[in-house]
Structures are given as structure tokens and as C-alpha cells.
Amino acid sequence: MNWHTRILEKQIEYGSQLGDTVLQLARMELKNYSKNVLSVAEYYDQLKKLSVVDGERQPTDVYTDFVNKLDEILVQKNTINKNNIVWIIGGPGSNKSLYVF
């Protein structure tokens, strides 16, 4: 799930206003995400093993693209018979948990 950092920051602030998020912890998690996870994503992108879904659109469009990407990955898995791992990553506030099924 690809979101710009400024949008994730707004999502974190919104979540803290609702009481769903502890602001300081979420900011610390975002900093850790930016420092550690993005470099791993870039590595897999260079290997052409990264699928990215733009999260800054209508939720139904994001979900549709997410399902299509996941279907592509699963079809490839069945075709080449490898043990694949699918990681769903996104910064705090990206609502990535909504897309895990």
C-alpha cells in the first residue's frame, strides 16, 4: 500500500482524535517504517518482486486493485509451483489491515 508520508501523518492524527491511535507511538512507528521498511521495499522493487497499490484513492478502487494484484501473485504461484510469501506493508494509518483476508 503506497501512501505519501504526509497523508499517513494526517491519518495518524485523525486516528488519535478518534481515540483509535496513541499519537506518539504511531509517530514512532511511522519513523521506524520510513527508516526500515521502505529500504526493504526498494530492494524488492529492484528485483521486480514488488507490487504496489496506490492507497490515496477511493477505498473501493484501492480494494479492487489490491485484489487484482493479489490474484496475479497467486496465479503466478500456482503456475510456477514455488512457495511464495505475500507481505502486505504500509505505514501506520494506511489501513492495510482492511485488505487482509
Protein backbone atom coordinates (compact mmCIF):
# COMPACT_ATOMS: atom_id res chain seq x y z
CA MET A 1 0.00 0.00 0.00
CA ASN A 2 1.63 3.21 -1.12
CA TRP A 3 0.78 6.38 0.74
CA HIS A 4 2.74 9.62 0.96
CA THR A 5 4.18 10.28 4.40
CA ARG A 6 2.18 13.49 4.85
CA ILE A 7 -1.07 11.60 4.24
CA LEU A 8 -0.06 8.92 6.75
CA GLU A 9 0.68 11.64 9.29
CA LYS A 10 -2.81 13.06 8.78
CA GLN A 11 -4.31 9.57 9.18
CA ILE A 12 -2.37 9.09 12.41
CA GLU A 13 -3.60 12.43 13.75
CA TYR A 14 -7.16 11.60 12.77
CA GLY A 15 -6.90 8.19 14.46
CA SER A 16 -5.61 9.79 17.64
CA GLN A 17 -8.53 12.25 17.65
CA LEU A 18 -10.91 9.30 17.44
CA GLY A 19 -9.05 7.56 20.25
CA ASP A 20 -8.01 4.68 17.98
CA THR A 21 -4.32 5.58 17.98
CA VAL A 22 -1.79 6.72 20.55
CA LEU A 23 -0.22 9.65 18.70
CA GLN A 24 3.36 9.35 19.99
CA LEU A 25 3.50 5.59 19.42
CA ALA A 26 2.11 5.91 15.91
CA ARG A 27 4.62 8.65 15.05
CA MET A 28 7.42 6.45 16.34
CA GLU A 29 6.09 3.54 14.26
CA LEU A 30 5.96 5.77 11.16
CA LYS A 31 9.55 6.84 11.73
CA ASN A 32 10.60 3.19 12.10
CA TYR A 33 8.59 2.27 8.98
CA SER A 34 10.27 5.01 6.96
CA LYS A 35 13.72 4.02 8.20
CA ASN A 36 13.49 0.23 7.89
CA VAL A 37 10.58 -0.98 5.78
CA LEU A 38 10.95 1.38 2.83
CA SER A 39 14.52 0.25 2.18
CA VAL A 40 13.36 -3.38 2.08
CA ALA A 41 10.55 -2.43 -0.31
CA GLU A 42 13.05 -0.65 -2.57
CA TYR A 43 15.24 -3.78 -2.60
CA TYR A 44 12.34 -5.99 -3.71
CA ASP A 45 11.29 -3.36 -6.24
CA GLN A 46 14.76 -3.56 -7.82
CA LEU A 47 14.33 -7.34 -8.04
CA LYS A 48 10.94 -6.78 -9.75
CA LYS A 49 9.23 -8.63 -6.89
CA LEU A 50 7.20 -5.75 -5.53
CA SER A 51 3.59 -4.97 -6.38
CA VAL A 52 2.41 -1.53 -5.34
CA VAL A 53 -1.15 -0.35 -4.89
CA ASP A 54 -1.75 3.38 -4.61
CA GLY A 55 -3.69 3.89 -1.39
CA GLU A 56 -4.57 7.53 -1.97
CA ARG A 57 -7.82 6.93 -3.84
CA GLN A 58 -11.36 5.87 -3.11
CA PRO A 59 -11.37 2.78 -0.86
CA THR A 60 -13.33 0.72 -3.40
CA ASP A 61 -10.74 1.47 -6.10
CA VAL A 62 -7.87 0.62 -3.76
CA TYR A 63 -9.56 -2.63 -2.74
CA THR A 64 -10.24 -3.63 -6.36
CA ASP A 65 -6.61 -3.02 -7.36
CA PHE A 66 -5.40 -4.83 -4.25
CA VAL A 67 -7.48 -7.92 -5.03
CA ASN A 68 -6.33 -7.89 -8.67
CA LYS A 69 -2.65 -7.68 -7.62
CA LEU A 70 -3.12 -10.48 -5.11
CA ASP A 71 -4.84 -12.63 -7.75
CA GLU A 72 -1.90 -12.03 -10.11
CA ILE A 73 0.54 -13.16 -7.42
CA LEU A 74 -1.49 -16.26 -6.58
CA VAL A 75 -1.85 -17.21 -10.26
CA GLN A 76 1.92 -16.90 -10.67
CA LYS A 77 2.38 -19.07 -7.58
CA ASN A 78 0.17 -21.82 -8.99
CA THR A 79 1.85 -21.58 -12.39
CA ILE A 80 5.45 -21.84 -11.20
CA ASN A 81 4.77 -24.00 -8.06
CA LYS A 82 7.03 -22.05 -5.71
CA ASN A 83 6.43 -21.34 -2.05
CA ASN A 84 5.73 -17.63 -2.14
CA ILE A 85 5.19 -15.30 0.76
CA VAL A 86 2.92 -12.32 0.30
CA TRP A 87 3.68 -9.41 2.62
CA ILE A 88 1.26 -6.56 2.91
CA ILE A 89 3.12 -3.50 4.06
CA GLY A 90 2.08 0.08 4.56
CA GLY A 91 2.81 2.75 7.05
CA PRO A 92 0.81 3.24 10.23
CA GLY A 93 -2.53 4.78 9.35
CA SER A 94 -2.62 3.21 5.88
CA ASN A 95 -5.49 0.89 6.84
CA LYS A 96 -3.66 -2.10 5.41
CA SER A 97 -5.44 -4.39 7.86
CA LEU A 98 -8.69 -3.76 5.98
CA TYR A 99 -7.29 -5.58 2.98
CA VAL A 100 -6.11 -8.76 4.67
CA PHE A 101 -8.48 -11.66 4.16
